[in-house]
Amino acid sequence: MYAIVKTGGKQYRVERGQKLLVERLAVEEGATVPLQPLMYRSEEAVFDAEGLAQVTVTARVLGHERGEKLRVVKFKPKRGYKRRTGHRQELTRIEIADIAVGGSGSRKAAKPAKAQAAPATQAPETTATPKEASEDGA
């Protein structure tokens, strides 16, 4: 069982107990954070919005770190222009605490879908009558 989640503009394939570095999250150490699932797979893959609404992926923040220093060099030949700077990305180390599938989300999603289906069937009947009347009159 695994899930693909989105955080910090990147996507990660995660399993329960996995530790990984992600872009800095604005939470304290030891806090739990919900992650947005994009796909879930146990026996079958779940991609649709209704199925993913039932999936919850939670992670525990282990600590905040800074990444490795990256060197940025700017150079223009024959001009005497040289610049060297560096960058260290702010990162958060997390551990995937749980990937769970709940059953309560499907009941809530099913009720509005039925309510939307009923007016949709009535709307074409009312719009079809004036079109036919206008075609007969022309």
N, C-alpha and C. Protein backbone atom coordinates (compact mmCIF):
# COMPACT_ATOMS: atom_id res chain seq x y z
N MET A 1 0.85 -1.17 0.00
CA MET A 1 0.00 0.00 0.00
C MET A 1 0.90 1.24 0.00
N TYR A 2 0.63 2.13 -0.96
CA TYR A 2 1.38 3.37 -1.03
C TYR A 2 0.48 4.46 -1.58
N ALA A 3 0.94 5.70 -1.49
CA ALA A 3 0.20 6.85 -2.01
C ALA A 3 1.18 7.81 -2.65
N ILE A 4 0.68 8.60 -3.56
CA ILE A 4 1.46 9.70 -4.13
C ILE A 4 0.84 10.97 -3.59
N VAL A 5 1.66 11.79 -2.92
CA VAL A 5 1.17 13.01 -2.27
C VAL A 5 1.88 14.21 -2.87
N LYS A 6 1.25 15.38 -2.66
CA LYS A 6 1.79 16.63 -3.16
C LYS A 6 2.05 17.55 -1.99
N THR A 7 3.27 18.08 -1.91
CA THR A 7 3.61 19.08 -0.91
C THR A 7 4.78 19.91 -1.43
N GLY A 8 4.71 21.19 -1.23
CA GLY A 8 5.78 22.09 -1.66
C GLY A 8 5.96 22.14 -3.15
N GLY A 9 4.90 21.89 -3.93
CA GLY A 9 5.00 21.93 -5.38
C GLY A 9 5.65 20.70 -5.99
N LYS A 10 5.90 19.68 -5.18
CA LYS A 10 6.52 18.45 -5.68
C LYS A 10 5.66 17.26 -5.30
N GLN A 11 5.85 16.14 -5.98
CA GLN A 11 5.09 14.94 -5.71
C GLN A 11 6.04 13.85 -5.21
N TYR A 12 5.57 13.09 -4.21
CA TYR A 12 6.38 12.05 -3.60
C TYR A 12 5.57 10.76 -3.50
N ARG A 13 6.24 9.62 -3.73
CA ARG A 13 5.63 8.32 -3.52
C ARG A 13 5.99 7.92 -2.09
N VAL A 14 4.97 7.72 -1.24
CA VAL A 14 5.23 7.48 0.18
C VAL A 14 4.55 6.21 0.64
N GLU A 15 5.16 5.59 1.64
CA GLU A 15 4.61 4.43 2.33
C GLU A 15 4.66 4.70 3.82
N ARG A 16 3.91 3.94 4.58
CA ARG A 16 3.87 4.14 6.03
C ARG A 16 5.26 3.87 6.64
N GLY A 17 5.72 4.79 7.50
CA GLY A 17 7.02 4.65 8.15
C GLY A 17 8.17 5.27 7.38
N GLN A 18 7.94 5.72 6.18
CA GLN A 18 9.00 6.31 5.35
C GLN A 18 9.35 7.71 5.86
N LYS A 19 10.65 8.04 5.80
CA LYS A 19 11.12 9.36 6.20
C LYS A 19 11.64 10.07 4.95
N LEU A 20 11.31 11.37 4.82
CA LEU A 20 11.78 12.11 3.66
C LEU A 20 11.91 13.59 3.97
N LEU A 21 12.69 14.29 3.14
CA LEU A 21 12.88 15.74 3.25
C LEU A 21 11.97 16.43 2.24
N VAL A 22 11.21 17.42 2.70
CA VAL A 22 10.32 18.18 1.84
C VAL A 22 10.59 19.67 2.05
N GLU A 23 10.00 20.50 1.22
CA GLU A 23 10.11 21.94 1.38
C GLU A 23 9.61 22.33 2.77
N ARG A 24 10.11 23.43 3.30
CA ARG A 24 9.80 23.85 4.67
C ARG A 24 8.30 23.96 4.89
N LEU A 25 7.81 23.30 5.96
CA LEU A 25 6.41 23.39 6.38
C LEU A 25 6.34 24.29 7.60
N ALA A 26 5.32 25.12 7.67
CA ALA A 26 5.18 26.11 8.76
C ALA A 26 4.48 25.49 9.96
N VAL A 27 5.07 24.44 10.53
CA VAL A 27 4.55 23.80 11.74
C VAL A 27 5.71 23.50 12.66
N GLU A 28 5.40 23.25 13.92
CA GLU A 28 6.45 22.96 14.90
C GLU A 28 6.85 21.50 14.86
N GLU A 29 8.01 21.20 15.44
CA GLU A 29 8.48 19.82 15.52
C GLU A 29 7.52 18.99 16.36
N GLY A 30 7.28 17.76 15.95
CA GLY A 30 6.39 16.86 16.67
C GLY A 30 4.93 16.97 16.25
N ALA A 31 4.57 17.98 15.47
CA ALA A 31 3.19 18.16 15.03
C ALA A 31 2.88 17.18 13.90
N THR A 32 1.59 16.88 13.72
CA THR A 32 1.17 16.05 12.60
C THR A 32 0.59 16.94 11.51
N VAL A 33 0.87 16.57 10.27
CA VAL A 33 0.47 17.38 9.12
C VAL A 33 -0.28 16.48 8.14
N PRO A 34 -1.46 16.91 7.66
CA PRO A 34 -2.12 16.14 6.60
C PRO A 34 -1.50 16.49 5.25
N LEU A 35 -1.30 15.49 4.41
CA LEU A 35 -0.74 15.72 3.08
C LEU A 35 -1.83 15.44 2.04
N GLN A 36 -1.78 16.14 0.90
CA GLN A 36 -2.78 16.01 -0.14
C GLN A 36 -2.48 14.79 -1.01
N PRO A 37 -3.36 13.77 -1.00
CA PRO A 37 -3.11 12.60 -1.85
C PRO A 37 -3.54 12.85 -3.29
N LEU A 38 -2.72 12.39 -4.23
CA LEU A 38 -3.05 12.47 -5.65
C LEU A 38 -3.40 11.10 -6.20
N MET A 39 -2.90 10.04 -5.54
CA MET A 39 -3.20 8.67 -5.93
C MET A 39 -3.02 7.77 -4.73
N TYR A 40 -3.82 6.72 -4.67
CA TYR A 40 -3.70 5.72 -3.60
C TYR A 40 -3.74 4.35 -4.24
N ARG A 41 -2.90 3.45 -3.74
CA ARG A 41 -2.87 2.11 -4.30
C ARG A 41 -2.70 1.08 -3.20
N SER A 42 -3.64 0.15 -3.11
CA SER A 42 -3.48 -1.02 -2.25
C SER A 42 -3.66 -2.24 -3.14
N GLU A 43 -4.89 -2.58 -3.46
CA GLU A 43 -5.14 -3.65 -4.43
C GLU A 43 -5.49 -3.06 -5.79
N GLU A 44 -6.20 -1.92 -5.75
CA GLU A 44 -6.53 -1.19 -6.97
C GLU A 44 -6.06 0.25 -6.81
N ALA A 45 -5.83 0.91 -7.91
CA ALA A 45 -5.42 2.32 -7.87
C ALA A 45 -6.65 3.21 -7.79
N VAL A 46 -6.57 4.27 -6.99
CA VAL A 46 -7.65 5.24 -6.84
C VAL A 46 -7.13 6.58 -7.33
N PHE A 47 -7.81 7.12 -8.38
CA PHE A 47 -7.42 8.41 -8.94
C PHE A 47 -8.52 9.45 -8.83
N ASP A 48 -9.79 9.01 -8.81
CA ASP A 48 -10.91 9.95 -8.88
C ASP A 48 -11.05 10.77 -7.59
N ALA A 49 -11.70 11.91 -7.70
CA ALA A 49 -11.82 12.85 -6.58
C ALA A 49 -12.64 12.26 -5.44
N GLU A 50 -13.70 11.51 -5.77
CA GLU A 50 -14.53 10.92 -4.71
C GLU A 50 -13.75 9.89 -3.91
N GLY A 51 -12.97 9.08 -4.58
CA GLY A 51 -12.16 8.07 -3.90
C GLY A 51 -11.05 8.69 -3.07
N LEU A 52 -10.42 9.73 -3.60
CA LEU A 52 -9.32 10.39 -2.88
C LEU A 52 -9.83 11.21 -1.70
N ALA A 53 -11.11 11.60 -1.71
CA ALA A 53 -11.66 12.34 -0.57
C ALA A 53 -11.70 11.45 0.67
N GLN A 54 -11.73 10.15 0.48
CA GLN A 54 -11.75 9.21 1.61
C GLN A 54 -10.36 8.89 2.13
N VAL A 55 -9.32 9.16 1.34
CA VAL A 55 -7.94 8.81 1.72
C VAL A 55 -7.34 9.95 2.53
N THR A 56 -6.73 9.59 3.67
CA THR A 56 -6.02 10.57 4.48
C THR A 56 -4.58 10.10 4.66
N VAL A 57 -3.65 11.00 4.40
CA VAL A 57 -2.23 10.73 4.59
C VAL A 57 -1.73 11.72 5.63
N THR A 58 -1.24 11.21 6.76
CA THR A 58 -0.74 12.08 7.81
C THR A 58 0.74 11.83 8.02
N ALA A 59 1.46 12.91 8.31
CA ALA A 59 2.90 12.83 8.53
C ALA A 59 3.24 13.54 9.83
N ARG A 60 4.29 13.06 10.49
CA ARG A 60 4.77 13.67 11.73
C ARG A 60 6.08 14.41 11.42
N VAL A 61 6.18 15.65 11.89
CA VAL A 61 7.37 16.47 11.64
C VAL A 61 8.46 16.05 12.62
N LEU A 62 9.60 15.63 12.08
CA LEU A 62 10.72 15.20 12.91
C LEU A 62 11.67 16.36 13.21
N GLY A 63 11.79 17.30 12.29
CA GLY A 63 12.68 18.44 12.51
C GLY A 63 12.82 19.31 11.28
N HIS A 64 13.40 20.48 11.50
CA HIS A 64 13.65 21.42 10.40
C HIS A 64 15.15 21.47 10.15
N GLU A 65 15.53 21.47 8.88
CA GLU A 65 16.93 21.45 8.49
C GLU A 65 17.17 22.44 7.36
N ARG A 66 18.44 22.61 7.04
CA ARG A 66 18.82 23.38 5.86
C ARG A 66 19.55 22.44 4.93
N GLY A 67 19.27 22.59 3.66
CA GLY A 67 19.87 21.72 2.65
C GLY A 67 21.33 22.03 2.39
N GLU A 68 21.91 21.26 1.50
CA GLU A 68 23.31 21.44 1.10
C GLU A 68 23.47 22.76 0.36
N LYS A 69 24.63 23.40 0.50
CA LYS A 69 24.85 24.69 -0.14
C LYS A 69 25.05 24.50 -1.64
N LEU A 70 24.33 25.29 -2.41
CA LEU A 70 24.47 25.28 -3.86
C LEU A 70 25.22 26.54 -4.27
N ARG A 71 26.21 26.39 -5.13
CA ARG A 71 26.99 27.52 -5.63
C ARG A 71 26.37 28.03 -6.93
N VAL A 72 26.18 29.34 -7.00
CA VAL A 72 25.65 29.97 -8.20
C VAL A 72 26.73 30.90 -8.72
N VAL A 73 27.14 30.69 -9.98
CA VAL A 73 28.22 31.47 -10.56
C VAL A 73 27.70 32.22 -11.77
N LYS A 74 27.97 33.52 -11.82
CA LYS A 74 27.65 34.34 -12.99
C LYS A 74 28.98 34.80 -13.58
N PHE A 75 29.12 34.69 -14.89
CA PHE A 75 30.38 35.04 -15.54
C PHE A 75 30.09 35.54 -16.95
N LYS A 76 30.69 36.65 -17.29
CA LYS A 76 30.59 37.16 -18.66
C LYS A 76 32.01 37.31 -19.20
N PRO A 77 32.32 36.57 -20.26
CA PRO A 77 33.69 36.63 -20.79
C PRO A 77 34.01 38.00 -21.41
N LYS A 78 35.27 38.38 -21.32
CA LYS A 78 35.81 39.62 -21.91
C LYS A 78 35.22 40.88 -21.30
N ARG A 79 34.56 40.77 -20.16
CA ARG A 79 33.97 41.95 -19.53
C ARG A 79 34.49 42.16 -18.10
N GLY A 80 35.17 41.17 -17.54
CA GLY A 80 35.66 41.27 -16.18
C GLY A 80 34.55 41.15 -15.14
N TYR A 81 33.46 40.47 -15.50
CA TYR A 81 32.31 40.33 -14.60
C TYR A 81 32.25 38.92 -14.07
N LYS A 82 32.44 38.77 -12.73
CA LYS A 82 32.34 37.46 -12.08
C LYS A 82 31.59 37.65 -10.78
N ARG A 83 30.61 36.80 -10.50
CA ARG A 83 29.87 36.81 -9.23
C ARG A 83 29.68 35.38 -8.77
N ARG A 84 29.87 35.16 -7.49
CA ARG A 84 29.64 33.83 -6.93
C ARG A 84 28.78 34.00 -5.68
N THR A 85 27.64 33.34 -5.66
CA THR A 85 26.76 33.36 -4.50
C THR A 85 26.38 31.93 -4.15
N GLY A 86 25.72 31.78 -3.03
CA GLY A 86 25.29 30.46 -2.61
C GLY A 86 23.85 30.48 -2.14
N HIS A 87 23.28 29.28 -2.01
CA HIS A 87 21.90 29.15 -1.56
C HIS A 87 21.76 27.86 -0.76
N ARG A 88 21.07 27.96 0.39
CA ARG A 88 20.75 26.77 1.18
C ARG A 88 19.24 26.74 1.38
N GLN A 89 18.60 25.69 0.89
CA GLN A 89 17.15 25.56 0.95
C GLN A 89 16.70 25.16 2.36
N GLU A 90 15.60 25.75 2.82
CA GLU A 90 14.99 25.39 4.10
C GLU A 90 14.15 24.13 3.88
N LEU A 91 14.40 23.09 4.67
CA LEU A 91 13.72 21.81 4.49
C LEU A 91 13.12 21.33 5.81
N THR A 92 12.16 20.42 5.70
CA THR A 92 11.54 19.78 6.86
C THR A 92 11.63 18.28 6.69
N ARG A 93 12.11 17.59 7.72
CA ARG A 93 12.16 16.12 7.68
C ARG A 93 10.87 15.60 8.30
N ILE A 94 10.15 14.76 7.54
CA ILE A 94 8.89 14.21 8.02
C ILE A 94 8.92 12.69 7.96
N GLU A 95 8.05 12.07 8.75
CA GLU A 95 7.85 10.62 8.71
C GLU A 95 6.37 10.37 8.46
N ILE A 96 6.08 9.51 7.50
CA ILE A 96 4.68 9.20 7.17
C ILE A 96 4.13 8.34 8.29
N ALA A 97 3.16 8.90 9.04
CA ALA A 97 2.60 8.21 10.19
C ALA A 97 1.52 7.22 9.79
N ASP A 98 0.65 7.61 8.85
CA ASP A 98 -0.47 6.74 8.52
C ASP A 98 -1.03 7.08 7.15
N ILE A 99 -1.46 6.03 6.45
CA ILE A 99 -2.22 6.16 5.21
C ILE A 99 -3.50 5.38 5.44
N ALA A 100 -4.62 6.10 5.54
CA ALA A 100 -5.89 5.44 5.90
C ALA A 100 -6.97 5.76 4.89
N VAL A 101 -7.92 4.83 4.79
CA VAL A 101 -9.09 5.01 3.94
C VAL A 101 -10.30 5.00 4.83
N GLY A 102 -11.07 6.11 4.84
CA GLY A 102 -12.27 6.21 5.66
C GLY A 102 -13.51 6.01 4.82
N GLY A 103 -14.61 5.56 5.43
CA GLY A 103 -15.84 5.30 4.69
C GLY A 103 -16.86 6.40 4.79
N SER A 104 -16.69 7.40 5.66
CA SER A 104 -17.72 8.41 5.87
C SER A 104 -17.78 9.43 4.73
N GLY A 105 -16.73 9.63 3.99
CA GLY A 105 -16.72 10.63 2.94
C GLY A 105 -17.61 10.28 1.76
N SER A 106 -17.82 8.98 1.46
CA SER A 106 -18.60 8.61 0.30
C SER A 106 -20.07 8.92 0.48
N ARG A 107 -20.61 8.82 1.69
CA ARG A 107 -22.02 9.11 1.91
C ARG A 107 -22.31 10.58 1.68
N LYS A 108 -21.43 11.46 2.13
CA LYS A 108 -21.63 12.89 1.95
C LYS A 108 -21.53 13.26 0.48
N ALA A 109 -20.64 12.63 -0.26
CA ALA A 109 -20.46 12.96 -1.66
C ALA A 109 -21.62 12.43 -2.51
N ALA A 110 -22.26 11.33 -2.10
CA ALA A 110 -23.32 10.74 -2.89
C ALA A 110 -24.59 11.58 -2.84
N LYS A 111 -24.92 12.21 -1.73
CA LYS A 111 -26.15 12.98 -1.62
C LYS A 111 -26.18 14.18 -2.55
N PRO A 112 -25.14 15.03 -2.62
CA PRO A 112 -25.20 16.15 -3.55
C PRO A 112 -25.23 15.70 -5.01
N ALA A 113 -24.63 14.57 -5.35
CA ALA A 113 -24.63 14.10 -6.73
C ALA A 113 -26.05 13.77 -7.17
N LYS A 114 -26.87 13.15 -6.30
CA LYS A 114 -28.25 12.85 -6.64
C LYS A 114 -29.06 14.12 -6.78
N ALA A 115 -28.82 15.09 -5.94
CA ALA A 115 -29.55 16.35 -6.00
C ALA A 115 -29.24 17.08 -7.30
N GLN A 116 -28.02 16.99 -7.81
CA GLN A 116 -27.66 17.65 -9.05
C GLN A 116 -28.20 16.90 -10.25
N ALA A 117 -28.36 15.58 -10.15
CA ALA A 117 -28.81 14.78 -11.28
C ALA A 117 -30.28 15.06 -11.59
N ALA A 118 -31.12 15.29 -10.59
CA ALA A 118 -32.55 15.50 -10.82
C ALA A 118 -32.83 16.75 -11.63
N PRO A 119 -32.30 17.93 -11.31
CA PRO A 119 -32.58 19.11 -12.13
C PRO A 119 -32.00 19.00 -13.55
N ALA A 120 -30.92 18.27 -13.71
CA ALA A 120 -30.30 18.15 -15.03
C ALA A 120 -31.22 17.41 -15.99
N THR A 121 -32.00 16.43 -15.49
CA THR A 121 -32.90 15.69 -16.37
C THR A 121 -34.11 16.53 -16.74
N GLN A 122 -34.53 17.45 -15.89
CA GLN A 122 -35.68 18.28 -16.17
C GLN A 122 -35.32 19.43 -17.11
N ALA A 123 -34.12 19.93 -17.05
CA ALA A 123 -33.73 21.09 -17.83
C ALA A 123 -33.79 20.84 -19.35
N PRO A 124 -33.33 19.71 -19.89
CA PRO A 124 -33.40 19.51 -21.34
C PRO A 124 -34.84 19.46 -21.86
N GLU A 125 -35.79 18.96 -21.07
CA GLU A 125 -37.17 18.88 -21.53
C GLU A 125 -37.74 20.27 -21.75
N THR A 126 -37.46 21.21 -20.85
CA THR A 126 -38.01 22.55 -20.97
C THR A 126 -37.32 23.32 -22.09
N THR A 127 -36.05 23.06 -22.34
CA THR A 127 -35.36 23.78 -23.41
C THR A 127 -35.68 23.19 -24.77
N ALA A 128 -36.05 21.91 -24.85
CA ALA A 128 -36.34 21.28 -26.14
C ALA A 128 -37.66 21.79 -26.71
N THR A 129 -38.62 22.08 -25.88
CA THR A 129 -39.93 22.51 -26.35
C THR A 129 -39.86 23.84 -27.08
N PRO A 130 -39.20 24.89 -26.55
CA PRO A 130 -39.15 26.16 -27.31
C PRO A 130 -38.38 26.05 -28.62
N LYS A 131 -37.36 25.20 -28.67
CA LYS A 131 -36.60 25.05 -29.91
C LYS A 131 -37.49 24.44 -30.99
N GLU A 132 -38.24 23.41 -30.62
CA GLU A 132 -39.12 22.78 -31.59
C GLU A 132 -40.19 23.74 -32.04
N ALA A 133 -40.70 24.56 -31.13
CA ALA A 133 -41.74 25.53 -31.48
C ALA A 133 -41.19 26.58 -32.44
N SER A 134 -39.95 27.03 -32.21
CA SER A 134 -39.37 28.04 -33.08
C SER A 134 -39.07 27.48 -34.46
N GLU A 135 -38.68 26.20 -34.55
CA GLU A 135 -38.40 25.58 -35.85
C GLU A 135 -39.68 25.38 -36.64
N ASP A 136 -40.80 25.03 -35.95
CA ASP A 136 -42.06 24.82 -36.64
C ASP A 136 -42.61 26.14 -37.17
N GLY A 137 -42.38 27.22 -36.41
CA GLY A 137 -42.92 28.53 -36.80
C GLY A 137 -42.13 29.17 -37.92
N ALA A 138 -40.91 28.75 -38.20
CA ALA A 138 -40.07 29.40 -39.21
C ALA A 138 -40.34 28.95 -40.57
